[in-house]
Amino acid sequence: MMNDTVRFVLSLSIVFAVLIGIVRFSKVDRSYYPFLYRTFLVLIVEITARILFHSGEPRNFTVVLNTFSILDFCLFTWMFHNWRLFNGNRTAFLSILGAGFIAWVTITLVVSDLHVPNFLFRMLYSIVLVAFSVNTFNRAVVNDRRNIFRNPKFWICLGIIIFYTFFILVCLVNLQLFKQISTLFRQNLQEINVYSNILANLFYAVAILWIPRKKNFLMPF
């Protein structure tokens, strides 16, 4: 089975996207800024979580991941809003953010505790992100007259669909309702999720290479 050190090293595949993002940050279309912020945040979280996990206080490791879950949802939702998935409707965008925040507070702080993994919220927001990505992916395939493989939205949505689909399964089997599922099966799912994360991170790096240059007008946010 894969040990924690190997998992951590493989998780650092996000570094490729981070380095390309840093180099291109000042030049790219502002609508992709939430995605770049999210990429930088992932690297910070991976390193911080690793340090906390081995600090003798593993509960703090869970706090970091629980906090990241709401930030991850907000940044991706902001990105989809910039891409006009909600037709530029700011009210719809803020309503979705508000609903996500209420769900996070309820599941993470009210029903449970910040030191307990919020698998239910992680599963719910992953389902939402996959739905957003499938919608955007279909629009890109149907409407984009350019080479689809040069469309950063194509690569980002593909990465989200691949990673978060497996992540939904990982969260599902860790819910209290499915505690009877064998530990070995959970570990196998988590290993698959590690590899899907690598693939998604590589797709994100390719996407950043194809992000168009900054426009002369401000995006709607």
Protein backbone atom coordinates (compact mmCIF):
# COMPACT_ATOMS: atom_id res chain seq x y z
CA MET A 1 0.00 0.00 0.00
CA MET A 2 1.08 3.58 -0.65
CA ASN A 3 2.60 5.27 2.43
CA ASP A 4 2.08 8.88 3.53
CA THR A 5 5.46 10.06 2.22
CA VAL A 6 4.77 8.77 -1.28
CA ARG A 7 1.30 10.34 -1.22
CA PHE A 8 2.79 13.69 -0.24
CA VAL A 9 5.46 13.57 -2.95
CA LEU A 10 2.85 12.72 -5.58
CA SER A 11 0.60 15.52 -4.34
CA LEU A 12 3.41 17.96 -5.16
CA SER A 13 2.60 17.44 -8.85
CA ILE A 14 0.66 20.70 -8.38
CA VAL A 15 4.06 22.46 -8.40
CA PHE A 16 4.13 22.41 -12.22
CA ALA A 17 0.88 24.37 -12.40
CA VAL A 18 2.05 26.74 -9.65
CA LEU A 19 5.35 27.57 -11.36
CA ILE A 20 3.68 28.19 -14.73
CA GLY A 21 0.99 30.24 -12.98
CA ILE A 22 3.57 32.44 -11.24
CA VAL A 23 5.40 33.09 -14.52
CA ARG A 24 2.21 33.93 -16.43
CA PHE A 25 0.17 35.55 -13.66
CA SER A 26 0.58 39.19 -14.70
CA LYS A 27 -0.22 38.40 -18.34
CA VAL A 28 -3.29 36.16 -18.22
CA ASP A 29 -6.99 36.94 -18.50
CA ARG A 30 -8.30 38.04 -15.09
CA SER A 31 -11.25 35.64 -15.32
CA TYR A 32 -8.79 32.84 -14.55
CA TYR A 33 -7.40 34.47 -11.40
CA PRO A 34 -9.62 32.40 -9.04
CA PHE A 35 -8.21 29.25 -10.62
CA LEU A 36 -4.63 30.47 -10.16
CA TYR A 37 -5.36 31.48 -6.55
CA ARG A 38 -6.77 28.00 -5.97
CA THR A 39 -3.67 26.40 -7.48
CA PHE A 40 -1.36 28.39 -5.20
CA LEU A 41 -3.58 27.58 -2.21
CA VAL A 42 -3.42 23.84 -2.90
CA LEU A 43 0.38 23.84 -2.66
CA ILE A 44 0.28 25.81 0.60
CA VAL A 45 -2.33 23.43 2.04
CA GLU A 46 -0.40 20.31 0.98
CA ILE A 47 2.78 21.51 2.68
CA THR A 48 0.97 22.83 5.78
CA ALA A 49 -1.07 19.65 6.17
CA ARG A 50 2.08 17.54 5.89
CA ILE A 51 3.80 19.55 8.63
CA LEU A 52 0.78 19.39 10.94
CA PHE A 53 0.23 15.69 10.32
CA HIS A 54 3.68 14.96 11.74
CA SER A 55 3.61 17.60 14.46
CA GLY A 56 1.98 15.40 17.07
CA GLU A 57 -1.33 17.25 16.60
CA PRO A 58 -3.06 15.40 13.73
CA ARG A 59 -6.38 17.06 14.65
CA ASN A 60 -4.96 20.34 13.31
CA PHE A 61 -4.35 18.55 10.01
CA THR A 62 -8.11 17.96 9.79
CA VAL A 63 -8.83 21.62 10.59
CA VAL A 64 -6.72 22.67 7.59
CA LEU A 65 -8.50 20.28 5.23
CA ASN A 66 -11.94 21.25 6.51
CA THR A 67 -11.13 24.94 6.01
CA PHE A 68 -9.70 24.27 2.57
CA SER A 69 -12.95 22.58 1.50
CA ILE A 70 -14.97 25.81 1.72
CA LEU A 71 -12.20 27.88 0.11
CA ASP A 72 -11.94 25.35 -2.71
CA PHE A 73 -15.67 25.57 -3.34
CA CYS A 74 -15.68 29.39 -3.28
CA LEU A 75 -12.71 29.82 -5.63
CA PHE A 76 -14.02 27.36 -8.20
CA THR A 77 -17.51 28.87 -8.04
CA TRP A 78 -16.01 32.33 -8.54
CA MET A 79 -14.14 30.97 -11.56
CA PHE A 80 -17.32 29.56 -13.10
CA HIS A 81 -19.07 32.87 -12.45
CA ASN A 82 -16.29 34.65 -14.34
CA TRP A 83 -16.84 32.21 -17.19
CA ARG A 84 -20.50 33.27 -17.20
CA LEU A 85 -21.86 29.85 -16.30
CA PHE A 86 -24.59 31.69 -14.38
CA ASN A 87 -25.11 34.09 -17.32
CA GLY A 88 -23.46 36.93 -15.41
CA ASN A 89 -26.18 36.80 -12.75
CA ARG A 90 -24.42 38.12 -9.65
CA THR A 91 -27.41 37.26 -7.44
CA ALA A 92 -27.30 33.62 -8.52
CA PHE A 93 -23.54 33.53 -7.94
CA LEU A 94 -23.79 35.00 -4.43
CA SER A 95 -26.73 32.72 -3.61
CA ILE A 96 -24.69 29.65 -4.54
CA LEU A 97 -21.77 30.90 -2.45
CA GLY A 98 -24.12 31.62 0.45
CA ALA A 99 -25.74 28.18 0.24
CA GLY A 100 -22.31 26.55 0.19
CA PHE A 101 -21.16 28.53 3.21
CA ILE A 102 -24.33 27.70 5.18
CA ALA A 103 -23.89 24.01 4.32
CA TRP A 104 -20.24 24.13 5.44
CA VAL A 105 -21.07 25.83 8.74
CA THR A 106 -23.95 23.44 9.44
CA ILE A 107 -22.03 20.26 8.61
CA THR A 108 -18.62 21.31 9.96
CA LEU A 109 -19.43 23.43 12.99
CA VAL A 110 -23.03 22.79 14.06
CA VAL A 111 -23.64 19.09 13.46
CA SER A 112 -20.02 18.08 13.89
CA ASP A 113 -16.72 19.65 14.92
CA LEU A 114 -13.94 21.43 13.02
CA HIS A 115 -11.54 18.69 14.14
CA VAL A 116 -13.66 15.96 12.52
CA PRO A 117 -13.38 15.40 8.72
CA ASN A 118 -16.40 16.98 7.00
CA PHE A 119 -16.80 14.22 4.41
CA LEU A 120 -20.45 15.06 3.77
CA PHE A 121 -19.71 18.64 2.77
CA ARG A 122 -16.73 17.54 0.66
CA MET A 123 -18.96 15.09 -1.18
CA LEU A 124 -21.75 17.64 -1.73
CA TYR A 125 -19.55 20.42 -3.07
CA SER A 126 -17.69 17.93 -5.28
CA ILE A 127 -21.00 16.95 -6.87
CA VAL A 128 -21.74 20.64 -7.51
CA LEU A 129 -18.30 21.25 -9.06
CA VAL A 130 -18.63 18.21 -11.31
CA ALA A 131 -22.06 19.46 -12.47
CA PHE A 132 -20.64 22.94 -13.17
CA SER A 133 -17.72 21.40 -15.06
CA VAL A 134 -19.84 19.09 -17.20
CA ASN A 135 -22.01 22.06 -18.20
CA THR A 136 -18.99 24.22 -19.04
CA PHE A 137 -17.22 21.31 -20.76
CA ASN A 138 -20.21 20.76 -23.04
CA ARG A 139 -20.36 24.45 -23.91
CA ALA A 140 -16.66 24.46 -24.76
CA VAL A 141 -16.97 21.41 -27.01
CA VAL A 142 -20.08 22.68 -28.82
CA ASN A 143 -19.38 26.42 -29.09
CA ASP A 144 -15.61 26.78 -29.37
CA ARG A 145 -14.57 26.90 -33.02
CA ARG A 146 -10.88 26.76 -32.16
CA ASN A 147 -8.83 23.64 -31.46
CA ILE A 148 -10.49 22.33 -28.29
CA PHE A 149 -7.12 21.15 -26.95
CA ARG A 150 -5.98 24.79 -26.83
CA ASN A 151 -8.96 25.78 -24.71
CA PRO A 152 -7.93 26.07 -21.01
CA LYS A 153 -11.54 25.59 -19.90
CA PHE A 154 -11.49 22.16 -21.53
CA TRP A 155 -8.45 21.06 -19.51
CA ILE A 156 -9.60 22.59 -16.23
CA CYS A 157 -13.07 21.05 -16.45
CA LEU A 158 -11.62 17.69 -17.47
CA GLY A 159 -9.33 17.79 -14.44
CA ILE A 160 -12.20 18.69 -12.11
CA ILE A 161 -14.44 15.93 -13.50
CA ILE A 162 -11.76 13.25 -13.19
CA PHE A 163 -10.54 14.19 -9.71
CA TYR A 164 -13.79 15.11 -8.01
CA THR A 165 -15.71 12.11 -9.38
CA PHE A 166 -13.32 9.76 -7.59
CA PHE A 167 -13.24 12.11 -4.60
CA ILE A 168 -17.02 11.77 -4.26
CA LEU A 169 -16.59 8.01 -3.90
CA VAL A 170 -13.81 8.45 -1.33
CA CYS A 171 -16.00 10.76 0.76
CA LEU A 172 -19.05 8.50 0.36
CA VAL A 173 -17.36 5.38 1.75
CA ASN A 174 -16.04 7.39 4.71
CA LEU A 175 -19.51 8.49 5.82
CA GLN A 176 -20.82 6.91 9.01
CA LEU A 177 -23.55 5.21 6.99
CA PHE A 178 -20.95 3.11 5.13
CA LYS A 179 -18.56 2.30 7.97
CA GLN A 180 -19.10 -1.42 7.31
CA ILE A 181 -17.11 -1.13 4.08
CA SER A 182 -13.69 -2.73 4.44
CA THR A 183 -10.63 -0.63 5.21
CA LEU A 184 -8.82 -2.21 2.26
CA PHE A 185 -11.50 -1.02 -0.16
CA ARG A 186 -11.25 2.53 1.24
CA GLN A 187 -7.47 2.47 0.89
CA ASN A 188 -7.72 1.30 -2.72
CA LEU A 189 -10.14 4.13 -3.52
CA GLN A 190 -7.80 6.64 -1.89
CA GLU A 191 -4.90 5.35 -3.99
CA ILE A 192 -6.95 5.78 -7.16
CA ASN A 193 -7.77 9.29 -5.97
CA VAL A 194 -4.04 10.05 -5.58
CA TYR A 195 -3.44 9.12 -9.22
CA SER A 196 -6.50 11.04 -10.40
CA ASN A 197 -5.10 14.04 -8.51
CA ILE A 198 -1.80 13.76 -10.39
CA LEU A 199 -3.65 13.62 -13.71
CA ALA A 200 -5.81 16.62 -12.78
CA ASN A 201 -2.76 18.62 -11.69
CA LEU A 202 -1.04 17.93 -15.02
CA PHE A 203 -4.19 19.01 -16.85
CA TYR A 204 -4.21 22.22 -14.79
CA ALA A 205 -0.60 22.92 -15.80
CA VAL A 206 -1.52 22.47 -19.49
CA ALA A 207 -4.55 24.72 -19.00
CA ILE A 208 -2.44 27.55 -17.56
CA LEU A 209 -0.17 27.38 -20.61
CA TRP A 210 -3.22 28.05 -22.82
CA ILE A 211 -4.89 30.77 -20.74
CA PRO A 212 -5.37 33.77 -23.08
CA ARG A 213 -3.66 37.07 -22.40
CA LYS A 214 -5.26 39.71 -20.23
CA LYS A 215 -8.09 41.68 -21.81
CA ASN A 216 -8.24 45.47 -21.67
CA PHE A 217 -11.57 45.48 -19.80
CA LEU A 218 -12.43 44.17 -16.36
CA MET A 219 -14.27 40.89 -15.91
CA PRO A 220 -17.56 40.92 -13.98
CA PHE A 221 -16.61 40.51 -10.31
